[in-house]
Amino acid sequence: MVRMRHPNVEQEIEVPEISVTHYERSGWKRVDGQAVTGQATPVVETAAAKGRRRSEEGN
């Protein structure tokens, strides 16, 4: 898990290594050994909701 913080969010989060690029594109930065202030909140991965994707038919 990688600890990250965002300039507009008080609480830090922990994300899987594979997700770091996605979060960096959204403005999150790695903490990388800096002094940590407060507890990080783990990000919970959940399955996508059924029926959220548009079908190829009808577009």
PDB file of N, CA and C in Angstrom:
ATOM      1  N   MET A   1       0.847  -1.178   0.000  1.00  0.00           N
ATOM      2  CA  MET A   1       0.000   0.000   0.000  1.00  0.00           C
ATOM      3  C   MET A   1       0.897   1.248   0.000  1.00  0.00           C
ATOM      4  N   VAL A   2       0.419   2.282  -0.665  1.00  0.00           N
ATOM      5  CA  VAL A   2       1.149   3.542  -0.784  1.00  0.00           C
ATOM      6  C   VAL A   2       0.326   4.638  -0.117  1.00  0.00           C
ATOM      7  N   ARG A   3       0.942   5.410   0.723  1.00  0.00           N
ATOM      8  CA  ARG A   3       0.258   6.504   1.410  1.00  0.00           C
ATOM      9  C   ARG A   3       0.320   7.750   0.521  1.00  0.00           C
ATOM     10  N   MET A   4      -0.843   8.408   0.373  1.00  0.00           N
ATOM     11  CA  MET A   4      -0.931   9.588  -0.490  1.00  0.00           C
ATOM     12  C   MET A   4      -1.701  10.687   0.212  1.00  0.00           C
ATOM     13  N   ARG A   5      -1.461  11.930  -0.249  1.00  0.00           N
ATOM     14  CA  ARG A   5      -2.228  13.064   0.275  1.00  0.00           C
ATOM     15  C   ARG A   5      -2.584  13.992  -0.882  1.00  0.00           C
ATOM     16  N   HIS A   6      -3.649  14.761  -0.668  1.00  0.00           N
ATOM     17  CA  HIS A   6      -4.149  15.701  -1.673  1.00  0.00           C
ATOM     18  C   HIS A   6      -4.188  17.079  -1.024  1.00  0.00           C
ATOM     19  N   PRO A   7      -3.817  18.127  -1.748  1.00  0.00           N
ATOM     20  CA  PRO A   7      -3.798  19.474  -1.159  1.00  0.00           C
ATOM     21  C   PRO A   7      -5.162  19.979  -0.692  1.00  0.00           C
ATOM     22  N   ASN A   8      -6.248  19.461  -1.251  1.00  0.00           N
ATOM     23  CA  ASN A   8      -7.592  19.921  -0.875  1.00  0.00           C
ATOM     24  C   ASN A   8      -8.307  18.994   0.105  1.00  0.00           C
ATOM     25  N   VAL A   9      -7.613  17.935   0.554  1.00  0.00           N
ATOM     26  CA  VAL A   9      -8.217  16.966   1.463  1.00  0.00           C
ATOM     27  C   VAL A   9      -7.321  16.835   2.692  1.00  0.00           C
ATOM     28  N   GLU A  10      -7.905  16.956   3.885  1.00  0.00           N
ATOM     29  CA  GLU A  10      -7.119  16.881   5.118  1.00  0.00           C
ATOM     30  C   GLU A  10      -6.533  15.498   5.357  1.00  0.00           C
ATOM     31  N   GLN A  11      -7.336  14.460   5.166  1.00  0.00           N
ATOM     32  CA  GLN A  11      -6.924  13.113   5.536  1.00  0.00           C
ATOM     33  C   GLN A  11      -6.132  12.428   4.436  1.00  0.00           C
ATOM     34  N   GLU A  12      -5.066  11.726   4.832  1.00  0.00           N
ATOM     35  CA  GLU A  12      -4.288  10.941   3.886  1.00  0.00           C
ATOM     36  C   GLU A  12      -5.001   9.623   3.628  1.00  0.00           C
ATOM     37  N   ILE A  13      -4.636   8.994   2.502  1.00  0.00           N
ATOM     38  CA  ILE A  13      -5.221   7.695   2.162  1.00  0.00           C
ATOM     39  C   ILE A  13      -4.100   6.714   1.844  1.00  0.00           C
ATOM     40  N   GLU A  14      -4.409   5.430   1.884  1.00  0.00           N
ATOM     41  CA  GLU A  14      -3.498   4.383   1.442  1.00  0.00           C
ATOM     42  C   GLU A  14      -4.146   3.679   0.260  1.00  0.00           C
ATOM     43  N   VAL A  15      -3.393   3.562  -0.835  1.00  0.00           N
ATOM     44  CA  VAL A  15      -3.920   2.936  -2.043  1.00  0.00           C
ATOM     45  C   VAL A  15      -2.973   1.838  -2.503  1.00  0.00           C
ATOM     46  N   PRO A  16      -3.477   0.852  -3.250  1.00  0.00           N
ATOM     47  CA  PRO A  16      -2.597  -0.177  -3.810  1.00  0.00           C
ATOM     48  C   PRO A  16      -1.605   0.453  -4.794  1.00  0.00           C
ATOM     49  N   GLU A  17      -0.422  -0.101  -4.870  1.00  0.00           N
ATOM     50  CA  GLU A  17       0.638   0.404  -5.764  1.00  0.00           C
ATOM     51  C   GLU A  17       0.134   0.551  -7.200  1.00  0.00           C
ATOM     52  N   ILE A  18      -0.675  -0.379  -7.656  1.00  0.00           N
ATOM     53  CA  ILE A  18      -1.176  -0.354  -9.031  1.00  0.00           C
ATOM     54  C   ILE A  18      -2.077   0.860  -9.299  1.00  0.00           C
ATOM     55  N   SER A  19      -2.657   1.455  -8.257  1.00  0.00           N
ATOM     56  CA  SER A  19      -3.585   2.580  -8.408  1.00  0.00           C
ATOM     57  C   SER A  19      -2.924   3.951  -8.292  1.00  0.00           C
ATOM     58  N   VAL A  20      -1.635   3.995  -8.000  1.00  0.00           N
ATOM     59  CA  VAL A  20      -0.955   5.271  -7.748  1.00  0.00           C
ATOM     60  C   VAL A  20      -1.059   6.220  -8.946  1.00  0.00           C
ATOM     61  N   THR A  21      -0.833   5.745 -10.149  1.00  0.00           N
ATOM     62  CA  THR A  21      -0.895   6.596 -11.339  1.00  0.00           C
ATOM     63  C   THR A  21      -2.267   7.246 -11.479  1.00  0.00           C
ATOM     64  N   HIS A  22      -3.307   6.484 -11.238  1.00  0.00           N
ATOM     65  CA  HIS A  22      -4.674   7.015 -11.313  1.00  0.00           C
ATOM     66  C   HIS A  22      -4.864   8.164 -10.321  1.00  0.00           C
ATOM     67  N   TYR A  23      -4.425   7.973  -9.089  1.00  0.00           N
ATOM     68  CA  TYR A  23      -4.579   9.013  -8.068  1.00  0.00           C
ATOM     69  C   TYR A  23      -3.692  10.219  -8.363  1.00  0.00           C
ATOM     70  N   GLU A  24      -2.475   9.994  -8.880  1.00  0.00           N
ATOM     71  CA  GLU A  24      -1.598  11.115  -9.218  1.00  0.00           C
ATOM     72  C   GLU A  24      -2.225  11.992 -10.300  1.00  0.00           C
ATOM     73  N   ARG A  25      -2.928  11.411 -11.231  1.00  0.00           N
ATOM     74  CA  ARG A  25      -3.606  12.186 -12.282  1.00  0.00           C
ATOM     75  C   ARG A  25      -4.723  13.052 -11.713  1.00  0.00           C
ATOM     76  N   SER A  26      -5.200  12.681 -10.519  1.00  0.00           N
ATOM     77  CA  SER A  26      -6.264  13.439  -9.861  1.00  0.00           C
ATOM     78  C   SER A  26      -5.726  14.418  -8.829  1.00  0.00           C
ATOM     79  N   GLY A  27      -4.412  14.594  -8.797  1.00  0.00           N
ATOM     80  CA  GLY A  27      -3.823  15.587  -7.902  1.00  0.00           C
ATOM     81  C   GLY A  27      -3.262  15.048  -6.603  1.00  0.00           C
ATOM     82  N   TRP A  28      -3.370  13.732  -6.362  1.00  0.00           N
ATOM     83  CA  TRP A  28      -2.814  13.133  -5.143  1.00  0.00           C
ATOM     84  C   TRP A  28      -1.313  12.990  -5.297  1.00  0.00           C
ATOM     85  N   LYS A  29      -0.579  13.127  -4.187  1.00  0.00           N
ATOM     86  CA  LYS A  29       0.884  12.995  -4.182  1.00  0.00           C
ATOM     87  C   LYS A  29       1.287  11.919  -3.188  1.00  0.00           C
ATOM     88  N   ARG A  30       2.355  11.184  -3.514  1.00  0.00           N
ATOM     89  CA  ARG A  30       2.904  10.187  -2.588  1.00  0.00           C
ATOM     90  C   ARG A  30       3.484  10.884  -1.362  1.00  0.00           C
ATOM     91  N   VAL A  31       3.357  10.252  -0.213  1.00  0.00           N
ATOM     92  CA  VAL A  31       3.947  10.795   1.003  1.00  0.00           C
ATOM     93  C   VAL A  31       5.439  10.482   1.035  1.00  0.00           C
ATOM     94  N   ASP A  32       5.857   9.297   0.584  1.00  0.00           N
ATOM     95  CA  ASP A  32       7.261   8.899   0.444  1.00  0.00           C
ATOM     96  C   ASP A  32       8.157   9.215   1.636  1.00  0.00           C
ATOM     97  N   GLY A  33       7.878   8.604   2.761  1.00  0.00           N
ATOM     98  CA  GLY A  33       8.777   8.700   3.899  1.00  0.00           C
ATOM     99  C   GLY A  33       8.752  10.001   4.668  1.00  0.00           C
ATOM    100  N   GLN A  34       7.862  10.905   4.317  1.00  0.00           N
ATOM    101  CA  GLN A  34       7.735  12.153   5.060  1.00  0.00           C
ATOM    102  C   GLN A  34       7.092  11.862   6.403  1.00  0.00           C
ATOM    103  N   ALA A  35       7.232  12.760   7.329  1.00  0.00           N
ATOM    104  CA  ALA A  35       6.560  12.615   8.614  1.00  0.00           C
ATOM    105  C   ALA A  35       5.056  12.619   8.368  1.00  0.00           C
ATOM    106  N   VAL A  36       4.390  11.629   8.898  1.00  0.00           N
ATOM    107  CA  VAL A  36       2.958  11.488   8.669  1.00  0.00           C
ATOM    108  C   VAL A  36       2.203  12.190   9.782  1.00  0.00           C
ATOM    109  N   THR A  37       1.243  13.027   9.402  1.00  0.00           N
ATOM    110  CA  THR A  37       0.422  13.720  10.387  1.00  0.00           C
ATOM    111  C   THR A  37      -0.967  13.115  10.359  1.00  0.00           C
ATOM    112  N   GLY A  38      -1.303  12.331  11.359  1.00  0.00           N
ATOM    113  CA  GLY A  38      -2.632  11.715  11.420  1.00  0.00           C
ATOM    114  C   GLY A  38      -2.650  10.342  10.785  1.00  0.00           C
ATOM    115  N   GLN A  39      -3.773   9.711  10.866  1.00  0.00           N
ATOM    116  CA  GLN A  39      -3.955   8.367  10.334  1.00  0.00           C
ATOM    117  C   GLN A  39      -4.385   8.416   8.879  1.00  0.00           C
ATOM    118  N   ALA A  40      -3.896   7.481   8.104  1.00  0.00           N
ATOM    119  CA  ALA A  40      -4.332   7.352   6.717  1.00  0.00           C
ATOM    120  C   ALA A  40      -5.556   6.451   6.666  1.00  0.00           C
ATOM    121  N   THR A  41      -6.429   6.739   5.740  1.00  0.00           N
ATOM    122  CA  THR A  41      -7.630   5.934   5.554  1.00  0.00           C
ATOM    123  C   THR A  41      -7.421   5.014   4.367  1.00  0.00           C
ATOM    124  N   PRO A  42      -7.509   3.691   4.577  1.00  0.00           N
ATOM    125  CA  PRO A  42      -7.349   2.784   3.442  1.00  0.00           C
ATOM    126  C   PRO A  42      -8.486   2.951   2.441  1.00  0.00           C
ATOM    127  N   VAL A  43      -8.168   2.858   1.177  1.00  0.00           N
ATOM    128  CA  VAL A  43      -9.178   2.937   0.134  1.00  0.00           C
ATOM    129  C   VAL A  43      -9.729   1.536  -0.068  1.00  0.00           C
ATOM    130  N   VAL A  44     -11.031   1.405  -0.015  1.00  0.00           N
ATOM    131  CA  VAL A  44     -11.677   0.111  -0.165  1.00  0.00           C
ATOM    132  C   VAL A  44     -12.040  -0.077  -1.631  1.00  0.00           C
ATOM    133  N   GLU A  45     -11.588  -1.192  -2.186  1.00  0.00           N
ATOM    134  CA  GLU A  45     -11.918  -1.495  -3.581  1.00  0.00           C
ATOM    135  C   GLU A  45     -13.216  -2.283  -3.613  1.00  0.00           C
ATOM    136  N   THR A  46     -14.157  -1.843  -4.437  1.00  0.00           N
ATOM    137  CA  THR A  46     -15.431  -2.539  -4.570  1.00  0.00           C
ATOM    138  C   THR A  46     -15.691  -2.815  -6.047  1.00  0.00           C
ATOM    139  N   ALA A  47     -16.550  -3.766  -6.300  1.00  0.00           N
ATOM    140  CA  ALA A  47     -16.911  -4.098  -7.680  1.00  0.00           C
ATOM    141  C   ALA A  47     -17.803  -2.992  -8.250  1.00  0.00           C
ATOM    142  N   ALA A  48     -17.731  -2.809  -9.553  1.00  0.00           N
ATOM    143  CA  ALA A  48     -18.577  -1.817 -10.213  1.00  0.00           C
ATOM    144  C   ALA A  48     -20.040  -2.241 -10.121  1.00  0.00           C
ATOM    145  N   ALA A  49     -20.907  -1.265 -10.043  1.00  0.00           N
ATOM    146  CA  ALA A  49     -22.345  -1.548  -9.971  1.00  0.00           C
ATOM    147  C   ALA A  49     -22.816  -2.159 -11.280  1.00  0.00           C
ATOM    148  N   LYS A  50     -23.717  -3.117 -11.183  1.00  0.00           N
ATOM    149  CA  LYS A  50     -24.254  -3.748 -12.388  1.00  0.00           C
ATOM    150  C   LYS A  50     -25.104  -2.751 -13.167  1.00  0.00           C
ATOM    151  N   GLY A  51     -25.046  -2.850 -14.487  1.00  0.00           N
ATOM    152  CA  GLY A  51     -25.885  -2.022 -15.336  1.00  0.00           C
ATOM    153  C   GLY A  51     -25.404  -0.591 -15.517  1.00  0.00           C
ATOM    154  N   ARG A  52     -24.179  -0.287 -15.124  1.00  0.00           N
ATOM    155  CA  ARG A  52     -23.683   1.078 -15.234  1.00  0.00           C
ATOM    156  C   ARG A  52     -23.099   1.377 -16.610  1.00  0.00           C
ATOM    157  N   ARG A  53     -22.719   0.350 -17.329  1.00  0.00           N
ATOM    158  CA  ARG A  53     -22.146   0.577 -18.654  1.00  0.00           C
ATOM    159  C   ARG A  53     -23.242   0.614 -19.711  1.00  0.00           C
ATOM    160  N   ARG A  54     -23.053   1.451 -20.684  1.00  0.00           N
ATOM    161  CA  ARG A  54     -23.995   1.501 -21.792  1.00  0.00           C
ATOM    162  C   ARG A  54     -23.716   0.330 -22.718  1.00  0.00           C
ATOM    163  N   SER A  55     -24.752  -0.260 -23.224  1.00  0.00           N
ATOM    164  CA  SER A  55     -24.559  -1.362 -24.167  1.00  0.00           C
ATOM    165  C   SER A  55     -24.226  -0.772 -25.538  1.00  0.00           C
ATOM    166  N   GLU A  56     -23.640  -1.581 -26.361  1.00  0.00           N
ATOM    167  CA  GLU A  56     -23.292  -1.140 -27.710  1.00  0.00           C
ATOM    168  C   GLU A  56     -24.545  -0.916 -28.537  1.00  0.00           C
ATOM    169  N   GLU A  57     -25.606  -1.640 -28.220  1.00  0.00           N
ATOM    170  CA  GLU A  57     -26.851  -1.496 -28.955  1.00  0.00           C
ATOM    171  C   GLU A  57     -27.579  -0.243 -28.448  1.00  0.00           C
ATOM    172  N   GLY A  58     -28.203   0.454 -29.316  1.00  0.00           N
ATOM    173  CA  GLY A  58     -29.025   1.596 -28.919  1.00  0.00           C
ATOM    174  C   GLY A  58     -28.267   2.902 -28.754  1.00  0.00           C
ATOM    175  N   ASN A  59     -26.977   2.918 -29.012  1.00  0.00           N
ATOM    176  CA  ASN A  59     -26.200   4.185 -28.908  1.00  0.00           C
ATOM    177  C   ASN A  59     -26.279   4.966 -30.177  1.00  0.00           C
TER     178      ASN A  59
END
